Amino acid sequence: MPIVLDHVSFTYQPDTPFAAPALHDVSINIRSGQFVGLIGHTGSGKSTLIQHCNGLLFPLAGQVTVDGMPVLPKGKDLKEIRRKVGLVFQYPEQQLFEENVALDVAFGPKTLGLEDAEIQRRVRWAMKMVDLEFAKFKDASPFELSGGEKRRVAIAGVLAMQPKYLILDEPCAGLDPGGREEILDQLKRLNEKGLAIVLVSHSMDDVARLAKRLIVIHEGAVVYDDQVRQVFSKAKELADMGLDVPAVMKLMMLLKEKGLDVRQSVLSAEEGQEEILRVLNHA
């Protein structure tokens, strides 16, 4: 069963002079095993939307359910919902605080009241899932790691809760190219192992590379929810919302303007190369 937002609306500080509407009649679902991209201009409502998925925020209208469980304030299923839906905020390494990596990853499972043996099993499993060798990193201070390694420790801490859904808000923000590649490759592998992932990103290239489905939110409303290629074919409409398309697609559009009869709906450098070679070979 999926995460379902059914006609959800939300306003910050309602019934005050400072009321700020953030979501308007949003209806989406996130199914098990999917890799979903979520894009929108700054202030569009992306972060507000994802915080509804595990009960950090609650709708003023509409309903949210996770695997059939209603997301309600003080609801009896709220603890289980937050275990099922792991949420990784921007710069999650700023939330690292333990003296070593193993203790940091273990923090979440400890809050579940698990036995020590199960906590240790989860710590080892979660570190393996993000390619952090247990023997090498378990006693290391998280504050002495590289940016990409810190980010992976933070993700491991969420994975140790064994979620069914993993939602990440700009997971590559502030990373150098090497760290960015580490995180993106890891997300791809996690999804291939069956974990549903929602990637919130300003990078159209990252979304095009990983996601199979793309949701576009603008001024608090869902504008598009379709296959990635179909959404990015709306280049003009996206530009009107302050959004871009992947770099390779922009190149194809430019080549088309120059008279080269290339297909514009390409999402990767490999696809772009093949398309250019195809056209040149038939010239």
Protein backbone atom coordinates (compact mmCIF):
# COMPACT_ATOMS: atom_id res chain seq x y z
CA MET A 1 0.00 0.00 0.00
CA PRO A 2 1.25 3.54 -0.73
CA ILE A 3 1.70 6.89 0.95
CA VAL A 4 -1.46 8.78 -0.05
CA LEU A 5 -2.11 12.51 0.17
CA ASP A 6 -5.81 13.02 -0.56
CA HIS A 7 -6.89 16.61 -1.29
CA VAL A 8 -4.41 17.98 1.24
CA SER A 9 -4.25 21.69 2.01
CA PHE A 10 -2.04 23.40 4.57
CA THR A 11 -1.48 26.96 5.81
CA TYR A 12 1.21 28.16 8.18
CA GLN A 13 -0.10 30.29 11.06
CA PRO A 14 -3.74 30.00 10.01
CA ASP A 15 -6.32 32.45 11.31
CA THR A 16 -3.67 35.08 11.96
CA PRO A 17 -2.49 38.15 10.01
CA PHE A 18 0.60 36.09 9.15
CA ALA A 19 -1.27 33.20 7.51
CA ALA A 20 0.78 31.73 4.65
CA PRO A 21 -0.95 29.14 2.43
CA ALA A 22 1.56 26.44 1.45
CA LEU A 23 -0.38 23.52 -0.09
CA HIS A 24 -3.60 23.63 -2.11
CA ASP A 25 -5.69 20.50 -2.70
CA VAL A 26 -2.72 18.19 -3.26
CA SER A 27 -3.49 14.58 -4.20
CA ILE A 28 -0.58 12.21 -4.87
CA ASN A 29 0.53 8.71 -3.91
CA ILE A 30 3.97 7.18 -3.51
CA ARG A 31 4.04 3.43 -4.06
CA SER A 32 6.42 0.82 -2.75
CA GLY A 33 9.65 0.51 -4.74
CA GLN A 34 9.18 3.69 -6.79
CA PHE A 35 11.86 6.30 -7.44
CA VAL A 36 10.07 9.64 -7.56
CA GLY A 37 11.55 13.06 -8.25
CA LEU A 38 9.93 16.14 -6.69
CA ILE A 39 10.82 19.53 -8.13
CA GLY A 40 9.59 23.08 -7.74
CA HIS A 41 10.92 26.59 -7.37
CA THR A 42 12.04 27.79 -3.93
CA GLY A 43 8.95 28.34 -1.82
CA SER A 44 6.75 26.14 -4.00
CA GLY A 45 5.75 23.84 -1.14
CA LYS A 46 8.10 20.87 -1.61
CA SER A 47 9.37 20.75 1.96
CA THR A 48 5.90 21.27 3.36
CA LEU A 49 4.61 18.40 1.25
CA ILE A 50 7.23 15.88 2.33
CA GLN A 51 6.78 16.77 6.01
CA HIS A 52 3.17 15.63 5.69
CA CYS A 53 4.35 12.17 4.63
CA ASN A 54 5.50 11.15 8.10
CA GLY A 55 3.51 13.38 10.40
CA LEU A 56 5.89 16.25 11.01
CA LEU A 57 3.04 18.40 9.71
CA PHE A 58 -0.68 17.62 9.57
CA PRO A 59 -3.13 18.88 6.92
CA LEU A 60 -5.72 21.53 7.68
CA ALA A 61 -7.91 19.89 5.02
CA GLY A 62 -7.74 16.47 3.39
CA GLN A 63 -6.11 13.33 4.67
CA VAL A 64 -2.73 11.57 4.62
CA THR A 65 -2.36 7.81 5.01
CA VAL A 66 0.72 5.58 5.03
CA ASP A 67 0.06 1.96 4.12
CA GLY A 68 -3.54 2.49 5.15
CA MET A 69 -2.71 4.13 8.49
CA PRO A 70 -4.08 7.67 8.92
CA VAL A 71 -1.48 10.29 9.79
CA LEU A 72 -3.06 12.12 12.71
CA PRO A 73 -1.76 14.20 15.63
CA LYS A 74 -1.28 11.84 18.56
CA GLY A 75 -2.53 9.00 16.34
CA LYS A 76 -1.89 5.50 17.62
CA ASP A 77 0.07 4.62 14.45
CA LEU A 78 2.26 7.74 14.35
CA LYS A 79 5.36 6.00 15.72
CA GLU A 80 5.05 3.20 13.16
CA ILE A 81 4.44 5.71 10.36
CA ARG A 82 7.63 7.60 11.23
CA ARG A 83 9.53 4.33 11.23
CA LYS A 84 8.15 3.44 7.79
CA VAL A 85 8.83 6.86 6.26
CA GLY A 86 12.43 7.98 6.69
CA LEU A 87 13.04 11.68 6.09
CA VAL A 88 16.51 13.10 5.41
CA PHE A 89 16.64 16.89 5.52
CA GLN A 90 19.15 19.19 3.82
CA TYR A 91 22.63 19.03 5.35
CA PRO A 92 21.72 16.07 7.59
CA GLU A 93 25.33 15.84 8.79
CA GLN A 94 24.58 18.91 10.93
CA GLN A 95 22.44 16.55 13.03
CA LEU A 96 25.33 14.17 13.75
CA PHE A 97 26.28 14.42 17.41
CA GLU A 98 27.65 11.14 18.80
CA GLU A 99 31.33 10.52 19.45
CA ASN A 100 31.59 7.82 16.79
CA VAL A 101 29.78 6.63 13.68
CA ALA A 102 28.36 3.43 15.16
CA LEU A 103 26.71 5.30 18.05
CA ASP A 104 25.23 7.87 15.68
CA VAL A 105 23.72 5.22 13.42
CA ALA A 106 22.41 3.35 16.48
CA PHE A 107 20.55 6.35 17.89
CA GLY A 108 17.29 5.77 15.99
CA PRO A 109 16.99 2.05 16.71
CA LYS A 110 17.65 2.72 20.40
CA THR A 111 14.58 4.97 20.51
CA LEU A 112 12.53 1.96 19.38
CA GLY A 113 13.51 0.08 22.52
CA LEU A 114 15.17 -2.76 20.63
CA GLU A 115 17.53 -5.24 22.25
CA ASP A 116 21.25 -4.54 21.92
CA ALA A 117 21.82 -7.46 19.55
CA GLU A 118 19.14 -6.18 17.16
CA ILE A 119 20.50 -2.62 17.36
CA GLN A 120 23.99 -3.83 16.45
CA ARG A 121 22.61 -5.92 13.60
CA ARG A 122 20.81 -2.87 12.21
CA VAL A 123 23.86 -0.65 12.56
CA ARG A 124 26.02 -3.10 10.61
CA TRP A 125 23.32 -3.56 7.98
CA ALA A 126 22.69 0.18 7.53
CA MET A 127 26.40 0.98 7.24
CA LYS A 128 26.80 -1.76 4.67
CA MET A 129 23.86 -0.35 2.70
CA VAL A 130 25.71 2.96 2.31
CA ASP A 131 29.12 1.38 1.69
CA LEU A 132 30.66 2.35 5.03
CA GLU A 133 32.86 -0.56 6.12
CA PHE A 134 31.91 -1.31 9.72
CA ALA A 135 35.41 -2.14 11.00
CA LYS A 136 36.89 0.96 9.37
CA PHE A 137 34.27 3.52 10.33
CA LYS A 138 32.53 2.31 13.50
CA ASP A 139 34.93 4.09 15.90
CA ALA A 140 35.62 7.08 13.66
CA SER A 141 34.40 10.51 14.70
CA PRO A 142 31.67 11.57 12.25
CA PHE A 143 33.06 15.10 12.38
CA GLU A 144 36.37 14.03 10.84
CA LEU A 145 34.86 12.39 7.76
CA SER A 146 34.55 13.83 4.27
CA GLY A 147 31.35 15.60 3.25
CA GLY A 148 30.09 12.61 1.31
CA GLU A 149 30.92 10.21 4.15
CA LYS A 150 29.11 12.39 6.70
CA ARG A 151 26.06 12.46 4.44
CA ARG A 152 26.15 8.66 4.17
CA VAL A 153 26.39 8.30 7.95
CA ALA A 154 23.28 10.47 8.29
CA ILE A 155 21.43 8.36 5.71
CA ALA A 156 22.56 5.18 7.48
CA GLY A 157 21.02 6.50 10.68
CA VAL A 158 17.67 6.73 8.91
CA LEU A 159 18.09 3.35 7.21
CA ALA A 160 18.76 1.73 10.58
CA MET A 161 15.10 2.37 11.35
CA GLN A 162 14.41 0.06 8.37
CA PRO A 163 11.99 2.37 6.55
CA LYS A 164 9.89 1.34 3.58
CA TYR A 165 10.08 4.84 2.09
CA LEU A 166 13.09 7.17 2.07
CA ILE A 167 12.51 10.86 1.36
CA LEU A 168 15.54 13.09 0.83
CA ASP A 169 15.51 16.89 0.61
CA GLU A 170 18.44 18.06 -1.55
CA PRO A 171 20.77 15.22 -0.46
CA CYS A 172 23.64 16.49 -2.64
CA ALA A 173 23.53 20.12 -1.49
CA GLY A 174 26.98 21.49 -0.71
CA LEU A 175 28.88 18.37 -1.75
CA ASP A 176 31.87 18.34 -4.09
CA PRO A 177 31.49 16.31 -7.34
CA GLY A 178 32.97 13.19 -5.75
CA GLY A 179 30.64 13.30 -2.76
CA ARG A 180 27.68 14.00 -5.02
CA GLU A 181 28.43 10.92 -7.12
CA GLU A 182 28.75 8.80 -3.98
CA ILE A 183 25.29 9.80 -2.79
CA LEU A 184 23.56 9.46 -6.17
CA ASP A 185 25.07 6.03 -6.81
CA GLN A 186 24.01 4.95 -3.33
CA LEU A 187 20.43 6.10 -3.84
CA LYS A 188 20.27 4.17 -7.11
CA ARG A 189 21.47 0.99 -5.41
CA LEU A 190 19.07 1.42 -2.48
CA ASN A 191 16.15 1.74 -4.87
CA GLU A 192 17.31 -1.33 -6.79
CA LYS A 193 17.12 -3.22 -3.48
CA GLY A 194 13.43 -2.30 -3.23
CA LEU A 195 13.44 0.88 -1.14
CA ALA A 196 10.99 3.53 -2.36
CA ILE A 197 12.76 6.87 -2.74
CA VAL A 198 11.49 10.41 -3.13
CA LEU A 199 14.24 12.78 -4.25
CA VAL A 200 13.63 16.50 -3.74
CA SER A 201 16.16 18.36 -5.85
CA HIS A 202 16.94 21.55 -7.72
CA SER A 203 19.22 19.56 -10.05
CA MET A 204 17.30 18.52 -13.14
CA ASP A 205 20.27 16.37 -14.18
CA ASP A 206 20.12 14.36 -10.94
CA VAL A 207 16.37 13.86 -11.24
CA ALA A 208 16.62 12.83 -14.89
CA ARG A 209 19.38 10.37 -14.06
CA LEU A 210 17.58 8.54 -11.25
CA ALA A 211 13.83 9.12 -11.12
CA LYS A 212 11.24 7.23 -13.13
CA ARG A 213 8.37 9.51 -12.14
CA LEU A 214 8.43 13.27 -11.66
CA ILE A 215 6.11 15.48 -9.62
CA VAL A 216 6.19 19.25 -10.20
CA ILE A 217 4.77 21.52 -7.52
CA HIS A 218 4.15 25.23 -8.10
CA GLU A 219 2.66 27.70 -5.63
CA GLY A 220 1.52 24.84 -3.43
CA ALA A 221 -0.27 22.84 -6.13
CA VAL A 222 0.78 19.78 -8.13
CA VAL A 223 1.09 20.86 -11.75
CA TYR A 224 2.56 17.70 -13.30
CA ASP A 225 2.81 14.09 -12.14
CA ASP A 226 4.05 11.84 -14.94
CA GLN A 227 7.00 9.95 -16.36
CA VAL A 228 10.19 12.01 -16.24
CA ARG A 229 10.56 12.26 -20.01
CA GLN A 230 6.97 13.45 -20.41
CA VAL A 231 7.34 16.17 -17.77
CA PHE A 232 10.62 17.49 -19.16
CA SER A 233 9.02 17.72 -22.62
CA LYS A 234 7.11 20.70 -21.14
CA ALA A 235 10.24 22.88 -21.26
CA LYS A 236 8.43 26.15 -21.89
CA GLU A 237 5.86 25.57 -19.16
CA LEU A 238 8.61 24.60 -16.71
CA ALA A 239 10.58 27.74 -17.61
CA ASP A 240 7.50 29.83 -16.85
CA MET A 241 7.61 28.34 -13.34
CA GLY A 242 11.31 29.15 -12.94
CA LEU A 243 12.40 25.57 -13.58
CA ASP A 244 14.93 24.16 -16.00
CA VAL A 245 15.41 20.95 -17.99
CA PRO A 246 18.47 18.64 -17.97
CA ALA A 247 21.59 20.06 -19.62
CA VAL A 248 21.63 17.43 -22.38
CA MET A 249 18.03 18.26 -23.28
CA LYS A 250 18.95 21.95 -23.55
CA LEU A 251 21.78 20.95 -25.90
CA MET A 252 19.36 18.96 -28.07
CA MET A 253 17.00 21.93 -28.21
CA LEU A 254 19.86 24.17 -29.33
CA LEU A 255 20.95 21.69 -32.01
CA LYS A 256 17.36 21.50 -33.22
CA GLU A 257 17.29 25.29 -33.55
CA LYS A 258 20.50 25.06 -35.61
CA GLY A 259 18.81 22.70 -38.07
CA LEU A 260 19.99 19.31 -36.81
CA ASP A 261 17.00 16.96 -36.80
CA VAL A 262 17.64 15.47 -33.34
CA ARG A 263 15.11 14.11 -30.89
CA GLN A 264 14.90 16.58 -28.02
CA SER A 265 13.48 14.34 -25.29
CA VAL A 266 16.80 12.82 -24.21
CA LEU A 267 17.69 12.56 -20.54
CA SER A 268 21.31 11.43 -20.39
CA ALA A 269 24.64 12.18 -22.04
CA GLU A 270 24.67 8.64 -23.43
CA GLU A 271 21.27 9.13 -25.05
CA GLY A 272 22.40 12.47 -26.44
CA GLN A 273 25.53 10.98 -27.96
CA GLU A 274 23.56 8.18 -29.58
CA GLU A 275 21.03 10.65 -30.99
CA ILE A 276 23.68 12.92 -32.49
CA LEU A 277 25.50 9.96 -34.05
CA ARG A 278 22.22 8.64 -35.43
CA VAL A 279 21.44 11.92 -37.16
CA LEU A 280 24.98 12.39 -38.48
CA ASN A 281 25.09 8.83 -39.84
CA HIS A 282 21.91 9.47 -41.79
CA ALA A 283 22.95 12.88 -43.06
